[in-house]
């Protein structure tokens, strides 16, 4: 097997182990402590920020345009529509930028 396949398999195994391990730890708790609950509820916002921040700081006009469209969509639609709209906008703007 080549290095790429081994890397993908190792990443998949590590991802599965962390998710299953987290589930097993939480399943053994009778009650989730309030601080842990607050931390778990903050994870989606932290992940979204980690994805958006580099594009906001280092991105060109296609990335900023897509972030703007996603921000506008987030005010009126659900998360799925926002992500799809932002992705489609990014693809279109990068295509236009590549053609210029």
PDB file of N, CA and C in Angstrom:
ATOM      1  N   UNK A   1       0.835  -1.183   0.000  1.00  0.00           N
ATOM      2  CA  UNK A   1       0.000   0.000   0.000  1.00  0.00           C
ATOM      3  C   UNK A   1       0.878   1.243   0.000  1.00  0.00           C
ATOM      4  N   UNK A   2       0.412   2.249  -0.705  1.00  0.00           N
ATOM      5  CA  UNK A   2       1.220   3.454  -0.736  1.00  0.00           C
ATOM      6  C   UNK A   2       0.934   4.338   0.468  1.00  0.00           C
ATOM      7  N   UNK A   3       1.711   5.384   0.616  1.00  0.00           N
ATOM      8  CA  UNK A   3       1.624   6.258   1.786  1.00  0.00           C
ATOM      9  C   UNK A   3       0.281   6.965   1.885  1.00  0.00           C
ATOM     10  N   UNK A   4      -0.289   7.351   0.761  1.00  0.00           N
ATOM     11  CA  UNK A   4      -1.563   8.059   0.775  1.00  0.00           C
ATOM     12  C   UNK A   4      -2.677   7.189   1.360  1.00  0.00           C
ATOM     13  N   UNK A   5      -2.747   5.954   0.928  1.00  0.00           N
ATOM     14  CA  UNK A   5      -3.779   5.048   1.428  1.00  0.00           C
ATOM     15  C   UNK A   5      -3.587   4.801   2.914  1.00  0.00           C
ATOM     16  N   UNK A   6      -2.351   4.598   3.358  1.00  0.00           N
ATOM     17  CA  UNK A   6      -2.078   4.382   4.775  1.00  0.00           C
ATOM     18  C   UNK A   6      -2.439   5.616   5.604  1.00  0.00           C
ATOM     19  N   UNK A   7      -2.169   6.783   5.074  1.00  0.00           N
ATOM     20  CA  UNK A   7      -2.516   8.022   5.780  1.00  0.00           C
ATOM     21  C   UNK A   7      -4.023   8.155   5.926  1.00  0.00           C
ATOM     22  N   UNK A   8      -4.759   7.862   4.868  1.00  0.00           N
ATOM     23  CA  UNK A   8      -6.220   7.942   4.907  1.00  0.00           C
ATOM     24  C   UNK A   8      -6.776   6.931   5.902  1.00  0.00           C
ATOM     25  N   UNK A   9      -6.254   5.713   5.889  1.00  0.00           N
ATOM     26  CA  UNK A   9      -6.722   4.690   6.828  1.00  0.00           C
ATOM     27  C   UNK A   9      -6.398   5.058   8.272  1.00  0.00           C
ATOM     28  N   UNK A  10      -5.217   5.619   8.510  1.00  0.00           N
ATOM     29  CA  UNK A  10      -4.846   6.037   9.866  1.00  0.00           C
ATOM     30  C   UNK A  10      -5.735   7.182  10.336  1.00  0.00           C
ATOM     31  N   UNK A  11      -6.030   8.136   9.452  1.00  0.00           N
ATOM     32  CA  UNK A  11      -6.905   9.251   9.816  1.00  0.00           C
ATOM     33  C   UNK A  11      -8.317   8.753  10.110  1.00  0.00           C
ATOM     34  N   UNK A  12      -8.787   7.803   9.319  1.00  0.00           N
ATOM     35  CA  UNK A  12     -10.118   7.241   9.557  1.00  0.00           C
ATOM     36  C   UNK A  12     -10.162   6.507  10.891  1.00  0.00           C
ATOM     37  N   UNK A  13      -9.137   5.737  11.197  1.00  0.00           N
ATOM     38  CA  UNK A  13      -9.092   5.013  12.467  1.00  0.00           C
ATOM     39  C   UNK A  13      -9.019   5.978  13.650  1.00  0.00           C
ATOM     40  N   UNK A  14      -8.228   7.031  13.526  1.00  0.00           N
ATOM     41  CA  UNK A  14      -8.123   8.015  14.610  1.00  0.00           C
ATOM     42  C   UNK A  14      -9.451   8.746  14.807  1.00  0.00           C
ATOM     43  N   UNK A  15     -10.115   9.093  13.715  1.00  0.00           N
ATOM     44  CA  UNK A  15     -11.410   9.764  13.814  1.00  0.00           C
ATOM     45  C   UNK A  15     -12.434   8.860  14.484  1.00  0.00           C
ATOM     46  N   UNK A  16     -12.478   7.613  14.070  1.00  0.00           N
ATOM     47  CA  UNK A  16     -13.417   6.668  14.676  1.00  0.00           C
ATOM     48  C   UNK A  16     -13.115   6.474  16.157  1.00  0.00           C
ATOM     49  N   UNK A  17     -11.848   6.346  16.503  1.00  0.00           N
ATOM     50  CA  UNK A  17     -11.469   6.119  17.904  1.00  0.00           C
ATOM     51  C   UNK A  17     -11.857   7.308  18.784  1.00  0.00           C
ATOM     52  N   UNK A  18     -11.643   8.527  18.303  1.00  0.00           N
ATOM     53  CA  UNK A  18     -11.996   9.683  19.125  1.00  0.00           C
ATOM     54  C   UNK A  18     -13.504   9.830  19.267  1.00  0.00           C
ATOM     55  N   UNK A  19     -14.235   9.573  18.199  1.00  0.00           N
ATOM     56  CA  UNK A  19     -15.699   9.667  18.298  1.00  0.00           C
ATOM     57  C   UNK A  19     -16.272   8.563  19.177  1.00  0.00           C
ATOM     58  N   UNK A  20     -15.831   7.344  18.983  1.00  0.00           N
ATOM     59  CA  UNK A  20     -16.325   6.234  19.790  1.00  0.00           C
ATOM     60  C   UNK A  20     -15.895   6.406  21.247  1.00  0.00           C
ATOM     61  N   UNK A  21     -14.668   6.852  21.458  1.00  0.00           N
ATOM     62  CA  UNK A  21     -14.192   7.076  22.825  1.00  0.00           C
ATOM     63  C   UNK A  21     -14.994   8.142  23.540  1.00  0.00           C
ATOM     64  N   UNK A  22     -15.291   9.224  22.846  1.00  0.00           N
ATOM     65  CA  UNK A  22     -16.116  10.279  23.440  1.00  0.00           C
ATOM     66  C   UNK A  22     -17.501   9.782  23.784  1.00  0.00           C
ATOM     67  N   UNK A  23     -18.065   8.996  22.900  1.00  0.00           N
ATOM     68  CA  UNK A  23     -19.390   8.430  23.168  1.00  0.00           C
ATOM     69  C   UNK A  23     -19.348   7.506  24.379  1.00  0.00           C
ATOM     70  N   UNK A  24     -18.345   6.653  24.448  1.00  0.00           N
ATOM     71  CA  UNK A  24     -18.248   5.714  25.564  1.00  0.00           C
ATOM     72  C   UNK A  24     -18.060   6.440  26.894  1.00  0.00           C
ATOM     73  N   UNK A  25     -17.262   7.506  26.896  1.00  0.00           N
ATOM     74  CA  UNK A  25     -17.059   8.264  28.132  1.00  0.00           C
ATOM     75  C   UNK A  25     -18.361   8.933  28.558  1.00  0.00           C
ATOM     76  N   UNK A  26     -19.052   9.571  27.624  1.00  0.00           N
ATOM     77  CA  UNK A  26     -20.302  10.255  27.965  1.00  0.00           C
ATOM     78  C   UNK A  26     -21.413   9.271  28.325  1.00  0.00           C
ATOM     79  N   UNK A  27     -21.401   8.085  27.719  1.00  0.00           N
ATOM     80  CA  UNK A  27     -22.433   7.091  28.011  1.00  0.00           C
ATOM     81  C   UNK A  27     -22.315   6.563  29.443  1.00  0.00           C
ATOM     82  N   UNK A  28     -21.122   6.582  29.997  1.00  0.00           N
ATOM     83  CA  UNK A  28     -20.934   6.094  31.363  1.00  0.00           C
ATOM     84  C   UNK A  28     -21.344   7.118  32.420  1.00  0.00           C
ATOM     85  N   UNK A  29     -21.496   8.365  32.022  1.00  0.00           N
ATOM     86  CA  UNK A  29     -21.886   9.411  32.982  1.00  0.00           C
ATOM     87  C   UNK A  29     -23.393   9.381  33.179  1.00  0.00           C
ATOM     88  N   UNK A  30     -23.788   9.457  34.422  1.00  0.00           N
ATOM     89  CA  UNK A  30     -25.222   9.520  34.703  1.00  0.00           C
ATOM     90  C   UNK A  30     -25.770  10.895  34.333  1.00  0.00           C
ATOM     91  N   UNK A  31     -24.971  11.919  34.608  1.00  0.00           N
ATOM     92  CA  UNK A  31     -25.382  13.285  34.343  1.00  0.00           C
ATOM     93  C   UNK A  31     -24.173  14.041  33.816  1.00  0.00           C
ATOM     94  N   UNK A  32     -24.376  14.793  32.754  1.00  0.00           N
ATOM     95  CA  UNK A  32     -23.273  15.577  32.186  1.00  0.00           C
ATOM     96  C   UNK A  32     -23.135  16.862  33.013  1.00  0.00           C
ATOM     97  N   UNK A  33     -21.942  17.133  33.524  1.00  0.00           N
ATOM     98  CA  UNK A  33     -21.746  18.359  34.309  1.00  0.00           C
ATOM     99  C   UNK A  33     -22.040  19.608  33.457  1.00  0.00           C
ATOM    100  N   UNK A  34     -22.556  20.661  34.089  1.00  0.00           N
ATOM    101  CA  UNK A  34     -22.913  21.868  33.330  1.00  0.00           C
ATOM    102  C   UNK A  34     -21.753  22.479  32.548  1.00  0.00           C
ATOM    103  N   UNK A  35     -20.558  22.451  33.110  1.00  0.00           N
ATOM    104  CA  UNK A  35     -19.404  23.024  32.387  1.00  0.00           C
ATOM    105  C   UNK A  35     -19.079  22.213  31.141  1.00  0.00           C
ATOM    106  N   UNK A  36     -19.172  20.886  31.236  1.00  0.00           N
ATOM    107  CA  UNK A  36     -18.946  20.032  30.076  1.00  0.00           C
ATOM    108  C   UNK A  36     -20.034  20.252  29.030  1.00  0.00           C
ATOM    109  N   UNK A  37     -21.277  20.380  29.481  1.00  0.00           N
ATOM    110  CA  UNK A  37     -22.382  20.648  28.561  1.00  0.00           C
ATOM    111  C   UNK A  37     -22.152  21.958  27.813  1.00  0.00           C
ATOM    112  N   UNK A  38     -21.722  22.993  28.529  1.00  0.00           N
ATOM    113  CA  UNK A  38     -21.450  24.291  27.896  1.00  0.00           C
ATOM    114  C   UNK A  38     -20.307  24.177  26.893  1.00  0.00           C
ATOM    115  N   UNK A  39     -19.282  23.410  27.255  1.00  0.00           N
ATOM    116  CA  UNK A  39     -18.149  23.228  26.341  1.00  0.00           C
ATOM    117  C   UNK A  39     -18.578  22.485  25.083  1.00  0.00           C
ATOM    118  N   UNK A  40     -19.380  21.448  25.227  1.00  0.00           N
ATOM    119  CA  UNK A  40     -19.852  20.688  24.074  1.00  0.00           C
ATOM    120  C   UNK A  40     -20.753  21.531  23.174  1.00  0.00           C
ATOM    121  N   UNK A  41     -21.538  22.414  23.767  1.00  0.00           N
ATOM    122  CA  UNK A  41     -22.409  23.281  22.966  1.00  0.00           C
ATOM    123  C   UNK A  41     -21.619  24.346  22.218  1.00  0.00           C
ATOM    124  N   UNK A  42     -20.407  24.666  22.681  1.00  0.00           N
ATOM    125  CA  UNK A  42     -19.577  25.674  22.027  1.00  0.00           C
ATOM    126  C   UNK A  42     -18.765  25.109  20.863  1.00  0.00           C
ATOM    127  N   UNK A  43     -18.680  23.803  20.730  1.00  0.00           N
ATOM    128  CA  UNK A  43     -17.843  23.189  19.697  1.00  0.00           C
ATOM    129  C   UNK A  43     -18.263  23.574  18.273  1.00  0.00           C
ATOM    130  N   UNK A  44     -19.548  23.530  17.899  1.00  0.00           N
ATOM    131  CA  UNK A  44     -19.893  23.885  16.513  1.00  0.00           C
ATOM    132  C   UNK A  44     -19.479  25.305  16.134  1.00  0.00           C
ATOM    133  N   UNK A  45     -19.660  26.255  17.033  1.00  0.00           N
ATOM    134  CA  UNK A  45     -19.262  27.635  16.744  1.00  0.00           C
ATOM    135  C   UNK A  45     -17.747  27.739  16.594  1.00  0.00           C
ATOM    136  N   UNK A  46     -17.007  27.002  17.411  1.00  0.00           N
ATOM    137  CA  UNK A  46     -15.548  27.036  17.329  1.00  0.00           C
ATOM    138  C   UNK A  46     -15.053  26.429  16.018  1.00  0.00           C
ATOM    139  N   UNK A  47     -15.672  25.342  15.602  1.00  0.00           N
ATOM    140  CA  UNK A  47     -15.276  24.704  14.344  1.00  0.00           C
ATOM    141  C   UNK A  47     -15.599  25.614  13.158  1.00  0.00           C
ATOM    142  N   UNK A  48     -16.777  26.215  13.164  1.00  0.00           N
ATOM    143  CA  UNK A  48     -17.155  27.120  12.083  1.00  0.00           C
ATOM    144  C   UNK A  48     -16.205  28.313  12.020  1.00  0.00           C
ATOM    145  N   UNK A  49     -15.834  28.851  13.175  1.00  0.00           N
ATOM    146  CA  UNK A  49     -14.886  29.962  13.209  1.00  0.00           C
ATOM    147  C   UNK A  49     -13.528  29.538  12.663  1.00  0.00           C
ATOM    148  N   UNK A  50     -13.087  28.340  13.005  1.00  0.00           N
ATOM    149  CA  UNK A  50     -11.795  27.852  12.514  1.00  0.00           C
ATOM    150  C   UNK A  50     -11.804  27.663  11.007  1.00  0.00           C
ATOM    151  N   UNK A  51     -12.960  27.385  10.435  1.00  0.00           N
ATOM    152  CA  UNK A  51     -13.052  27.224   8.982  1.00  0.00           C
ATOM    153  C   UNK A  51     -13.134  28.575   8.291  1.00  0.00           C
ATOM    154  N   UNK A  52     -13.877  29.505   8.862  1.00  0.00           N
ATOM    155  CA  UNK A  52     -14.148  30.790   8.207  1.00  0.00           C
ATOM    156  C   UNK A  52     -13.004  31.782   8.381  1.00  0.00           C
ATOM    157  N   UNK A  53     -12.354  31.816   9.541  1.00  0.00           N
ATOM    158  CA  UNK A  53     -11.347  32.832   9.839  1.00  0.00           C
ATOM    159  C   UNK A  53     -10.209  32.895   8.823  1.00  0.00           C
ATOM    160  N   UNK A  54      -9.602  31.778   8.423  1.00  0.00           N
ATOM    161  CA  UNK A  54      -8.523  31.893   7.435  1.00  0.00           C
ATOM    162  C   UNK A  54      -8.989  32.471   6.096  1.00  0.00           C
ATOM    163  N   UNK A  55     -10.184  32.116   5.665  1.00  0.00           N
ATOM    164  CA  UNK A  55     -10.700  32.668   4.410  1.00  0.00           C
ATOM    165  C   UNK A  55     -10.967  34.158   4.541  1.00  0.00           C
ATOM    166  N   UNK A  56     -11.381  34.581   5.706  1.00  0.00           N
ATOM    167  CA  UNK A  56     -11.662  35.992   5.933  1.00  0.00           C
ATOM    168  C   UNK A  56     -10.373  36.811   5.960  1.00  0.00           C
ATOM    169  N   UNK A  57      -9.324  36.254   6.544  1.00  0.00           N
ATOM    170  CA  UNK A  57      -8.067  36.982   6.687  1.00  0.00           C
ATOM    171  C   UNK A  57      -7.228  36.925   5.412  1.00  0.00           C
ATOM    172  N   UNK A  58      -7.067  35.737   4.839  1.00  0.00           N
ATOM    173  CA  UNK A  58      -6.155  35.550   3.712  1.00  0.00           C
ATOM    174  C   UNK A  58      -6.838  35.387   2.368  1.00  0.00           C
ATOM    175  N   UNK A  59      -8.156  35.353   2.342  1.00  0.00           N
ATOM    176  CA  UNK A  59      -8.865  35.078   1.099  1.00  0.00           C
ATOM    177  C   UNK A  59      -8.883  36.273   0.164  1.00  0.00           C
ATOM    178  N   UNK A  60      -9.067  35.973  -1.082  1.00  0.00           N
ATOM    179  CA  UNK A  60      -9.225  37.012  -2.092  1.00  0.00           C
ATOM    180  C   UNK A  60     -10.691  37.391  -2.215  1.00  0.00           C
ATOM    181  N   UNK A  61     -11.008  38.089  -3.289  1.00  0.00           N
ATOM    182  CA  UNK A  61     -12.394  38.547  -3.444  1.00  0.00           C
ATOM    183  C   UNK A  61     -13.381  37.409  -3.649  1.00  0.00           C
ATOM    184  N   UNK A  62     -13.018  36.277  -4.261  1.00  0.00           N
ATOM    185  CA  UNK A  62     -14.006  35.187  -4.343  1.00  0.00           C
ATOM    186  C   UNK A  62     -14.404  34.650  -2.965  1.00  0.00           C
ATOM    187  N   UNK A  63     -13.418  34.485  -2.087  1.00  0.00           N
ATOM    188  CA  UNK A  63     -13.706  33.969  -0.756  1.00  0.00           C
ATOM    189  C   UNK A  63     -14.536  34.967   0.051  1.00  0.00           C
ATOM    190  N   UNK A  64     -14.186  36.241  -0.045  1.00  0.00           N
ATOM    191  CA  UNK A  64     -14.945  37.258   0.690  1.00  0.00           C
ATOM    192  C   UNK A  64     -16.373  37.366   0.153  1.00  0.00           C
ATOM    193  N   UNK A  65     -16.538  37.242  -1.163  1.00  0.00           N
ATOM    194  CA  UNK A  65     -17.882  37.263  -1.741  1.00  0.00           C
ATOM    195  C   UNK A  65     -18.712  36.084  -1.266  1.00  0.00           C
ATOM    196  N   UNK A  66     -18.105  34.909  -1.235  1.00  0.00           N
ATOM    197  CA  UNK A  66     -18.820  33.715  -0.781  1.00  0.00           C
ATOM    198  C   UNK A  66     -19.183  33.829   0.703  1.00  0.00           C
ATOM    199  N   UNK A  67     -18.281  34.377   1.507  1.00  0.00           N
ATOM    200  CA  UNK A  67     -18.594  34.576   2.921  1.00  0.00           C
ATOM    201  C   UNK A  67     -19.740  35.570   3.086  1.00  0.00           C
ATOM    202  N   UNK A  68     -19.762  36.619   2.248  1.00  0.00           N
ATOM    203  CA  UNK A  68     -20.855  37.584   2.302  1.00  0.00           C
ATOM    204  C   UNK A  68     -22.192  36.954   1.951  1.00  0.00           C
ATOM    205  N   UNK A  69     -22.197  36.148   0.896  1.00  0.00           N
ATOM    206  CA  UNK A  69     -23.435  35.461   0.501  1.00  0.00           C
ATOM    207  C   UNK A  69     -23.885  34.499   1.601  1.00  0.00           C
ATOM    208  N   UNK A  70     -22.936  33.758   2.166  1.00  0.00           N
ATOM    209  CA  UNK A  70     -23.286  32.831   3.241  1.00  0.00           C
ATOM    210  C   UNK A  70     -23.832  33.581   4.457  1.00  0.00           C
ATOM    211  N   UNK A  71     -23.248  34.734   4.763  1.00  0.00           N
ATOM    212  CA  UNK A  71     -23.742  35.529   5.895  1.00  0.00           C
ATOM    213  C   UNK A  71     -25.165  36.005   5.641  1.00  0.00           C
ATOM    214  N   UNK A  72     -25.438  36.475   4.426  1.00  0.00           N
ATOM    215  CA  UNK A  72     -26.798  36.913   4.102  1.00  0.00           C
ATOM    216  C   UNK A  72     -27.787  35.748   4.140  1.00  0.00           C
ATOM    217  N   UNK A  73     -27.382  34.616   3.600  1.00  0.00           N
ATOM    218  CA  UNK A  73     -28.264  33.448   3.623  1.00  0.00           C
ATOM    219  C   UNK A  73     -28.532  32.963   5.042  1.00  0.00           C
ATOM    220  N   UNK A  74     -27.556  33.114   5.919  1.00  0.00           N
ATOM    221  CA  UNK A  74     -27.745  32.654   7.298  1.00  0.00           C
ATOM    222  C   UNK A  74     -28.817  33.448   8.031  1.00  0.00           C
ATOM    223  N   UNK A  75     -29.088  34.651   7.566  1.00  0.00           N
ATOM    224  CA  UNK A  75     -30.121  35.466   8.199  1.00  0.00           C
ATOM    225  C   UNK A  75     -31.527  35.020   7.821  1.00  0.00           C
ATOM    226  N   UNK A  76     -31.668  34.362   6.674  1.00  0.00           N
ATOM    227  CA  UNK A  76     -32.997  34.022   6.163  1.00  0.00           C
ATOM    228  C   UNK A  76     -33.265  32.529   5.998  1.00  0.00           C
ATOM    229  N   UNK A  77     -32.224  31.710   5.895  1.00  0.00           N
ATOM    230  CA  UNK A  77     -32.423  30.296   5.596  1.00  0.00           C
ATOM    231  C   UNK A  77     -31.748  29.434   6.656  1.00  0.00           C
ATOM    232  N   UNK A  78     -31.796  28.142   6.475  1.00  0.00           N
ATOM    233  CA  UNK A  78     -31.170  27.200   7.389  1.00  0.00           C
ATOM    234  C   UNK A  78     -29.698  26.991   7.071  1.00  0.00           C
ATOM    235  N   UNK A  79     -29.067  26.171   7.904  1.00  0.00           N
ATOM    236  CA  UNK A  79     -27.629  25.926   7.761  1.00  0.00           C
ATOM    237  C   UNK A  79     -27.273  25.248   6.447  1.00  0.00           C
ATOM    238  N   UNK A  80     -28.061  24.267   6.043  1.00  0.00           N
ATOM    239  CA  UNK A  80     -27.744  23.541   4.817  1.00  0.00           C
ATOM    240  C   UNK A  80     -27.770  24.470   3.616  1.00  0.00           C
ATOM    241  N   UNK A  81     -28.800  25.296   3.524  1.00  0.00           N
ATOM    242  CA  UNK A  81     -28.904  26.239   2.415  1.00  0.00           C
ATOM    243  C   UNK A  81     -27.750  27.233   2.454  1.00  0.00           C
ATOM    244  N   UNK A  82     -27.386  27.670   3.638  1.00  0.00           N
ATOM    245  CA  UNK A  82     -26.276  28.610   3.773  1.00  0.00           C
ATOM    246  C   UNK A  82     -24.972  27.994   3.269  1.00  0.00           C
ATOM    247  N   UNK A  83     -24.674  26.767   3.697  1.00  0.00           N
ATOM    248  CA  UNK A  83     -23.433  26.119   3.271  1.00  0.00           C
ATOM    249  C   UNK A  83     -23.427  25.856   1.769  1.00  0.00           C
ATOM    250  N   UNK A  84     -24.522  25.368   1.239  1.00  0.00           N
ATOM    251  CA  UNK A  84     -24.587  25.092  -0.198  1.00  0.00           C
ATOM    252  C   UNK A  84     -24.485  26.387  -0.995  1.00  0.00           C
ATOM    253  N   UNK A  85     -25.217  27.419  -0.560  1.00  0.00           N
ATOM    254  CA  UNK A  85     -25.157  28.707  -1.251  1.00  0.00           C
ATOM    255  C   UNK A  85     -23.765  29.306  -1.229  1.00  0.00           C
ATOM    256  N   UNK A  86     -23.095  29.234  -0.082  1.00  0.00           N
ATOM    257  CA  UNK A  86     -21.728  29.744   0.005  1.00  0.00           C
ATOM    258  C   UNK A  86     -20.767  28.960  -0.864  1.00  0.00           C
ATOM    259  N   UNK A  87     -20.910  27.641  -0.876  1.00  0.00           N
ATOM    260  CA  UNK A  87     -20.022  26.805  -1.687  1.00  0.00           C
ATOM    261  C   UNK A  87     -20.226  27.054  -3.179  1.00  0.00           C
ATOM    262  N   UNK A  88     -21.488  27.126  -3.602  1.00  0.00           N
ATOM    263  CA  UNK A  88     -21.777  27.383  -5.019  1.00  0.00           C
ATOM    264  C   UNK A  88     -21.256  28.760  -5.418  1.00  0.00           C
ATOM    265  N   UNK A  89     -21.458  29.742  -4.555  1.00  0.00           N
ATOM    266  CA  UNK A  89     -20.951  31.086  -4.846  1.00  0.00           C
ATOM    267  C   UNK A  89     -19.439  31.077  -4.957  1.00  0.00           C
ATOM    268  N   UNK A  90     -18.770  30.387  -4.052  1.00  0.00           N
ATOM    269  CA  UNK A  90     -17.312  30.313  -4.099  1.00  0.00           C
ATOM    270  C   UNK A  90     -16.838  29.663  -5.394  1.00  0.00           C
ATOM    271  N   UNK A  91     -17.482  28.582  -5.790  1.00  0.00           N
ATOM    272  CA  UNK A  91     -17.096  27.902  -7.036  1.00  0.00           C
ATOM    273  C   UNK A  91     -17.276  28.835  -8.229  1.00  0.00           C
ATOM    274  N   UNK A  92     -18.416  29.509  -8.274  1.00  0.00           N
ATOM    275  CA  UNK A  92     -18.679  30.419  -9.404  1.00  0.00           C
ATOM    276  C   UNK A  92     -17.688  31.585  -9.420  1.00  0.00           C
ATOM    277  N   UNK A  93     -17.450  32.187  -8.264  1.00  0.00           N
ATOM    278  CA  UNK A  93     -16.522  33.327  -8.225  1.00  0.00           C
ATOM    279  C   UNK A  93     -15.093  32.916  -8.539  1.00  0.00           C
ATOM    280  N   UNK A  94     -14.680  31.741  -8.087  1.00  0.00           N
ATOM    281  CA  UNK A  94     -13.330  31.273  -8.435  1.00  0.00           C
ATOM    282  C   UNK A  94     -13.220  30.955  -9.922  1.00  0.00           C
ATOM    283  N   UNK A  95     -14.303  30.460 -10.512  1.00  0.00           N
ATOM    284  CA  UNK A  95     -14.310  30.218 -11.950  1.00  0.00           C
ATOM    285  C   UNK A  95     -14.198  31.523 -12.720  1.00  0.00           C
ATOM    286  N   UNK A  96     -14.940  32.523 -12.282  1.00  0.00           N
ATOM    287  CA  UNK A  96     -14.874  33.838 -12.932  1.00  0.00           C
ATOM    288  C   UNK A  96     -13.489  34.440 -12.743  1.00  0.00           C
ATOM    289  N   UNK A  97     -12.922  34.333 -11.541  1.00  0.00           N
ATOM    290  CA  UNK A  97     -11.594  34.880 -11.277  1.00  0.00           C
ATOM    291  C   UNK A  97     -10.528  34.182 -12.108  1.00  0.00           C
ATOM    292  N   UNK A  98     -10.706  32.880 -12.329  1.00  0.00           N
ATOM    293  CA  UNK A  98      -9.741  32.135 -13.149  1.00  0.00           C
ATOM    294  C   UNK A  98      -9.830  32.498 -14.614  1.00  0.00           C
ATOM    295  N   UNK A  99     -11.012  32.935 -15.049  1.00  0.00           N
ATOM    296  CA  UNK A  99     -11.207  33.306 -16.446  1.00  0.00           C
ATOM    297  C   UNK A  99     -10.674  34.703 -16.745  1.00  0.00           C
ATOM    298  N   UNK A 100     -10.478  35.501 -15.706  1.00  0.00           N
ATOM    299  CA  UNK A 100     -10.013  36.889 -15.927  1.00  0.00           C
ATOM    300  C   UNK A 100      -8.535  36.966 -16.142  1.00  0.00           C
TER     301      UNK A 100
END
